Amino acid sequence: MSLDNTPEQSQLGRESTYADHYDASLLFPIPRSTQREAIGIAGHALPFFGADLWTAFELSWLNPRGKPQLVIAHFTIPCETPNIVESKSFKLYLNSFNGTVFTDVEAVRERLKADLSEAVWRGSDRSASIGVRLVAPGEFDRQPVHELEGLDLDRLDIECTQYQPTPELLSSDATQAPVTETLTSRLLKSNCLVTGQPDWGSVQIRYSGPAIDQAGLLAYIVSFRNHNEFHEPCAERMFTDIWRRCQPTKLAVYARYTRRGGLDINPFRTSWPQPLPANTRTARQ
C-alpha cells in the first residue's frame, strides 16, 4: 500500500498552532518515490546506500516533578525508507513534547524512535527502526564543530550563468590516469519545494575514477541556486548526475544544510557500503 501524502498537503507555508502536549499525529510523511522517479530512480533497487542525518536543537519535556529537561537529538533515517518526514511537521511534533511529562530520557528516546520509525515506513510492507541519540547538557561542550574535509572548489574563479540544475556542466577525463579525490563547496543553495524559502548548505564529493573537471563541478553545484526541491532529493540528484555523466568507480555525496526551525538535515549517499559520517555540524549550522 502506497502513501499518497504530497508536500502541498503538509503544514509548509501555512499558519500553524503549536501544540505543547505530545501528539504523534503531527508527523507528516511524504513518499520519496515521486522525486526519485523525476531523476530516473524507480523501485526498491537504489543505486546508492546512505542515510539522512537530522539534528534537533530544540527538544524539551517535563520530568515527573514538572521541571523542564532538554537535549540535542541526532536522528539517522536510512535512505531505504519509503518516506521522508516533512521538516515543519517534524518541528511541530518535537514541540509537542514541551508540556508533556516523561519518566526519564530513555522514555523520550524510545517514544521518538517508535513514532519516527512508524512514519518513515508508513504504507510499506517492510519496517525497521531509525537511529536516535540524545545528547545531554553535560555533553554539550564536547560537541565538535568542523568543516567538511576536502579540496575547496570555491577557490576557483569561474563564471556562473546557470541557476537550475544543469548536469551538462559535468565532465571527466577518461584519457588520464584515474584519481581519488575529496572536493567540497560551501556554495550549495536550493529552495524549499513548497514555500520557495532558501536552503543553504555545504557539500562534499568523494570519488575514485576519471578526474572530474573541477570548474564544471563547481558551476553544477551553483546551478542548484534557484531550484525548488527538498534536501534529500537534491543530494540524490547530485549523486545521480555525477554518477551518470562522470562515470566514477566510486562516489559519495554528503550535503550539510543549515538549520531552520531548530532542525538541520544532512543527506549522505554512497555507491559502496561504508560507515556513515559523524553527524558533526559545520560553523554555519
Protein backbone atom coordinates (compact mmCIF):
# COMPACT_ATOMS: atom_id res chain seq x y z
CA MET A 1 0.00 0.00 0.00
CA SER A 2 1.49 3.34 -1.06
CA LEU A 3 1.25 6.61 0.81
CA ASP A 4 -0.49 9.45 -1.06
CA ASN A 5 0.71 12.42 1.01
CA THR A 6 2.03 15.31 -1.09
CA PRO A 7 4.17 18.27 0.03
CA GLU A 8 1.31 20.65 -0.77
CA GLN A 9 -0.88 18.89 1.81
CA SER A 10 1.64 19.48 4.61
CA GLN A 11 1.85 22.40 7.06
CA LEU A 12 4.53 24.11 4.95
CA GLY A 13 3.65 27.72 4.23
CA ARG A 14 0.56 27.66 6.48
CA GLU A 15 -0.17 29.31 9.78
CA SER A 16 0.24 26.65 12.46
CA THR A 17 -0.90 26.19 16.03
CA TYR A 18 1.99 24.94 18.14
CA ALA A 19 0.84 22.09 20.34
CA ASP A 20 2.74 21.73 23.61
CA HIS A 21 1.41 18.30 24.54
CA TYR A 22 2.64 15.14 22.88
CA ASP A 23 0.95 14.44 19.53
CA ALA A 24 2.45 11.86 17.16
CA SER A 25 -0.23 12.61 14.55
CA LEU A 26 1.62 15.83 13.72
CA LEU A 27 4.27 13.87 11.80
CA PHE A 28 3.66 14.15 8.04
CA PRO A 29 5.48 11.51 5.97
CA ILE A 30 6.00 12.17 2.25
CA PRO A 31 6.90 9.37 -0.20
CA ARG A 32 10.40 9.54 -1.64
CA SER A 33 9.24 7.83 -4.84
CA THR A 34 7.81 10.88 -6.64
CA GLN A 35 11.00 12.89 -6.60
CA ARG A 36 13.15 9.81 -7.21
CA GLU A 37 11.16 8.98 -10.32
CA ALA A 38 11.84 12.52 -11.56
CA ILE A 39 15.58 11.74 -11.64
CA GLY A 40 15.18 8.25 -13.07
CA ILE A 41 15.23 6.16 -9.88
CA ALA A 42 12.36 3.71 -9.62
CA GLY A 43 11.52 0.78 -7.35
CA HIS A 44 13.41 -0.63 -4.38
CA ALA A 45 16.71 -1.19 -6.23
CA LEU A 46 18.52 2.03 -5.29
CA PRO A 47 21.83 2.99 -6.95
CA PHE A 48 23.24 4.08 -3.60
CA PHE A 49 23.43 3.40 0.13
CA GLY A 50 23.22 6.00 2.86
CA ALA A 51 21.02 7.88 5.29
CA ASP A 52 19.61 11.25 6.21
CA LEU A 53 21.25 12.62 9.36
CA TRP A 54 19.00 15.04 11.24
CA THR A 55 19.90 17.18 14.24
CA ALA A 56 17.27 18.77 16.50
CA PHE A 57 18.44 21.61 18.72
CA GLU A 58 15.01 22.39 20.23
CA LEU A 59 13.79 19.34 22.16
CA SER A 60 12.46 19.67 25.70
CA TRP A 61 9.97 17.94 28.01
CA LEU A 62 8.99 17.85 31.69
CA ASN A 63 10.25 15.41 34.29
CA PRO A 64 7.78 13.91 36.84
CA ARG A 65 8.33 16.96 39.08
CA GLY A 66 7.42 19.34 36.26
CA LYS A 67 10.97 20.58 35.70
CA PRO A 68 11.93 21.16 32.03
CA GLN A 69 14.56 18.86 30.57
CA LEU A 70 16.42 19.37 27.29
CA VAL A 71 18.77 17.60 24.91
CA ILE A 72 20.24 17.83 21.43
CA ALA A 73 18.86 14.97 19.34
CA HIS A 74 20.54 13.16 16.44
CA PHE A 75 18.39 11.05 14.11
CA THR A 76 19.58 8.58 11.45
CA ILE A 77 16.98 7.74 8.81
CA PRO A 78 18.11 5.12 6.24
CA CYS A 79 17.68 6.13 2.60
CA GLU A 80 15.83 2.83 2.03
CA THR A 81 12.78 4.09 3.94
CA PRO A 82 9.88 4.79 1.57
CA ASN A 83 9.16 8.17 3.21
CA ILE A 84 10.82 11.27 4.50
CA VAL A 85 9.21 13.35 7.24
CA GLU A 86 8.32 16.88 6.17
CA SER A 87 10.51 19.14 8.29
CA LYS A 88 7.86 21.56 9.61
CA SER A 89 5.75 18.63 10.79
CA PHE A 90 8.86 17.23 12.47
CA LYS A 91 9.33 20.55 14.30
CA LEU A 92 5.67 20.69 15.36
CA TYR A 93 5.93 17.11 16.62
CA LEU A 94 9.06 17.87 18.66
CA ASN A 95 7.43 20.98 20.13
CA SER A 96 4.52 18.83 21.29
CA PHE A 97 6.90 17.33 23.88
CA ASN A 98 7.31 20.72 25.62
CA GLY A 99 4.47 20.35 28.12
CA THR A 100 4.48 16.56 28.37
CA VAL A 101 5.79 14.58 31.34
CA PHE A 102 8.17 11.67 30.65
CA THR A 103 9.67 9.49 33.35
CA ASP A 104 13.24 9.80 32.05
CA VAL A 105 15.36 10.47 28.98
CA GLU A 106 15.17 6.82 27.87
CA ALA A 107 11.37 7.06 27.69
CA VAL A 108 11.75 10.08 25.42
CA ARG A 109 14.24 8.27 23.19
CA GLU A 110 12.00 5.22 22.83
CA ARG A 111 8.97 7.39 22.02
CA LEU A 112 10.89 9.27 19.33
CA LYS A 113 12.27 6.06 17.89
CA ALA A 114 8.85 4.38 17.70
CA ASP A 115 6.98 7.35 16.23
CA LEU A 116 9.56 8.28 13.62
CA SER A 117 10.17 4.68 12.59
CA GLU A 118 6.44 4.24 12.00
CA ALA A 119 6.23 7.45 9.96
CA VAL A 120 9.15 6.79 7.61
CA TRP A 121 7.97 3.20 6.93
CA ARG A 122 4.24 4.01 6.76
CA GLY A 123 2.45 2.41 3.81
CA SER A 124 5.19 -0.20 3.32
CA ASP A 125 5.19 -3.94 3.96
CA ARG A 126 8.70 -3.50 5.44
CA SER A 127 9.77 -1.85 8.68
CA ALA A 128 12.86 -1.15 10.75
CA SER A 129 13.99 1.19 13.48
CA ILE A 130 15.71 4.50 12.90
CA GLY A 131 18.64 5.68 14.98
CA VAL A 132 18.05 8.14 17.82
CA ARG A 133 20.85 9.56 20.00
CA LEU A 134 20.17 12.17 22.69
CA VAL A 135 22.97 14.41 23.91
CA ALA A 136 22.56 15.67 27.48
CA PRO A 137 23.60 19.23 28.51
CA GLY A 138 26.64 17.86 30.32
CA GLU A 139 27.98 16.75 26.93
CA PHE A 140 27.22 19.97 25.02
CA ASP A 141 30.73 21.34 25.48
CA ARG A 142 32.15 18.24 23.79
CA GLN A 143 30.05 18.63 20.62
CA PRO A 144 32.51 19.43 17.81
CA VAL A 145 32.21 21.99 15.03
CA HIS A 146 34.16 21.06 11.92
CA GLU A 147 34.10 21.99 8.25
CA LEU A 148 33.78 19.28 5.61
CA GLU A 149 37.23 17.97 4.66
CA GLY A 150 38.49 18.15 1.10
CA LEU A 151 39.89 20.42 -1.60
CA ASP A 152 37.88 23.66 -1.67
CA LEU A 153 36.22 24.15 -5.05
CA ASP A 154 35.20 27.68 -4.06
CA ARG A 155 38.78 28.84 -4.67
CA LEU A 156 38.10 28.68 -8.42
CA ASP A 157 37.32 31.93 -10.23
CA ILE A 158 34.55 30.78 -12.54
CA GLU A 159 31.72 32.43 -14.45
CA CYS A 160 28.28 31.20 -13.39
CA THR A 161 25.28 31.55 -15.70
CA GLN A 162 23.09 28.56 -14.83
CA TYR A 163 20.83 28.60 -11.76
CA GLN A 164 18.77 25.46 -12.38
CA PRO A 165 20.43 22.02 -12.16
CA THR A 166 22.48 21.61 -15.32
CA PRO A 167 24.17 18.19 -15.50
CA GLU A 168 25.69 19.14 -18.86
CA LEU A 169 28.22 21.19 -16.88
CA LEU A 170 29.72 17.95 -15.55
CA SER A 171 32.55 16.15 -17.33
CA SER A 172 35.54 13.91 -16.61
CA ASP A 173 38.73 12.98 -18.44
CA ALA A 174 38.96 9.24 -19.02
CA THR A 175 42.18 9.64 -21.05
CA GLN A 176 44.22 10.34 -17.91
CA ALA A 177 45.10 8.06 -15.01
CA PRO A 178 42.21 7.62 -12.55
CA VAL A 179 42.29 9.64 -9.34
CA THR A 180 40.82 9.55 -5.86
CA GLU A 181 39.70 12.96 -4.64
CA THR A 182 37.59 14.68 -2.00
CA LEU A 183 36.11 18.01 -3.13
CA THR A 184 34.00 20.46 -1.14
CA SER A 185 31.95 23.61 -1.64
CA ARG A 186 30.02 25.95 0.65
CA LEU A 187 28.10 27.45 -2.30
CA LEU A 188 25.23 24.97 -2.33
CA LYS A 189 21.84 26.68 -2.21
CA SER A 190 18.44 25.39 -3.18
CA ASN A 191 14.90 26.36 -2.21
CA CYS A 192 12.07 24.68 -0.33
CA LEU A 193 9.87 22.77 -2.74
CA VAL A 194 6.66 24.32 -1.37
CA THR A 195 7.48 27.73 0.14
CA GLY A 196 10.47 28.72 -2.01
CA GLN A 197 12.42 29.75 1.10
CA PRO A 198 16.21 29.46 0.65
CA ASP A 199 18.06 26.39 1.91
CA TRP A 200 21.80 26.97 2.42
CA GLY A 201 24.32 24.18 2.55
CA SER A 202 27.77 22.76 2.04
CA VAL A 203 28.58 19.64 0.03
CA GLN A 204 31.39 17.11 -0.01
CA ILE A 205 32.02 14.87 -3.03
CA ARG A 206 34.37 11.89 -2.69
CA TYR A 207 35.10 9.77 -5.73
CA SER A 208 37.52 7.47 -7.48
CA GLY A 209 37.76 7.27 -11.27
CA PRO A 210 38.32 9.64 -14.19
CA ALA A 211 39.27 13.11 -12.98
CA ILE A 212 36.19 15.30 -12.77
CA ASP A 213 36.54 18.81 -14.19
CA GLN A 214 36.51 20.92 -11.04
CA ALA A 215 35.32 24.16 -12.63
CA GLY A 216 32.39 22.36 -14.22
CA LEU A 217 31.57 20.61 -10.94
CA LEU A 218 31.50 23.93 -9.05
CA ALA A 219 29.30 25.51 -11.73
CA TYR A 220 27.00 22.49 -11.43
CA ILE A 221 26.73 22.90 -7.64
CA VAL A 222 25.93 26.61 -8.12
CA SER A 223 23.26 25.68 -10.68
CA PHE A 224 21.01 24.45 -7.84
CA ARG A 225 20.67 28.06 -6.64
CA ASN A 226 17.09 28.65 -7.87
CA HIS A 227 15.99 25.01 -7.79
CA ASN A 228 12.98 24.04 -5.66
CA GLU A 229 13.47 20.62 -4.07
CA PHE A 230 13.79 19.09 -0.62
CA HIS A 231 17.30 18.46 0.76
CA GLU A 232 17.24 14.68 0.34
CA PRO A 233 16.37 14.58 -3.39
CA CYS A 234 18.85 17.41 -4.05
CA ALA A 235 21.64 15.16 -2.77
CA GLU A 236 20.28 12.21 -4.75
CA ARG A 237 20.06 14.33 -7.90
CA MET A 238 23.71 15.34 -7.45
CA PHE A 239 24.76 11.75 -6.91
CA THR A 240 22.84 10.51 -9.94
CA ASP A 241 24.04 13.27 -12.29
CA ILE A 242 27.71 12.86 -11.31
CA TRP A 243 27.47 9.06 -11.49
CA ARG A 244 25.95 9.10 -14.98
CA ARG A 245 27.98 11.87 -16.58
CA CYS A 246 31.40 11.43 -14.95
CA GLN A 247 31.30 7.63 -14.53
CA PRO A 248 33.39 7.27 -11.36
CA THR A 249 34.05 3.81 -10.00
CA LYS A 250 33.17 5.06 -6.50
CA LEU A 251 31.14 8.07 -5.44
CA ALA A 252 29.86 9.57 -2.18
CA VAL A 253 27.86 12.80 -1.87
CA TYR A 254 27.35 14.38 1.57
CA ALA A 255 25.32 17.58 1.94
CA ARG A 256 25.00 19.52 5.19
CA TYR A 257 22.22 22.11 5.20
CA THR A 258 21.95 24.93 7.72
CA ARG A 259 19.23 24.57 10.31
CA ARG A 260 15.75 26.03 10.06
CA GLY A 261 13.34 25.95 12.98
CA GLY A 262 15.94 24.21 15.14
CA LEU A 263 16.46 21.34 12.66
CA ASP A 264 19.21 20.59 10.18
CA ILE A 265 19.10 17.85 7.53
CA ASN A 266 22.23 16.22 6.17
CA PRO A 267 21.78 13.59 3.43
CA PHE A 268 24.60 11.14 2.67
CA ARG A 269 24.61 8.89 -0.43
CA THR A 270 27.36 6.48 -1.41
CA SER A 271 27.92 3.88 -4.11
CA TRP A 272 29.66 1.46 -1.74
CA PRO A 273 28.87 0.25 1.80
CA GLN A 274 30.79 2.26 4.38
CA PRO A 275 30.26 3.77 7.84
CA LEU A 276 28.06 6.84 7.94
CA PRO A 277 29.88 10.13 8.56
CA ALA A 278 29.82 11.53 12.06
CA ASN A 279 26.92 13.95 12.35
CA THR A 280 29.25 16.88 13.06
CA ARG A 281 27.90 20.33 12.38
CA THR A 282 29.73 22.96 10.37
CA ALA A 283 30.24 26.53 11.58
CA ARG A 284 27.14 27.77 9.71
CA GLN A 285 24.93 25.11 11.28
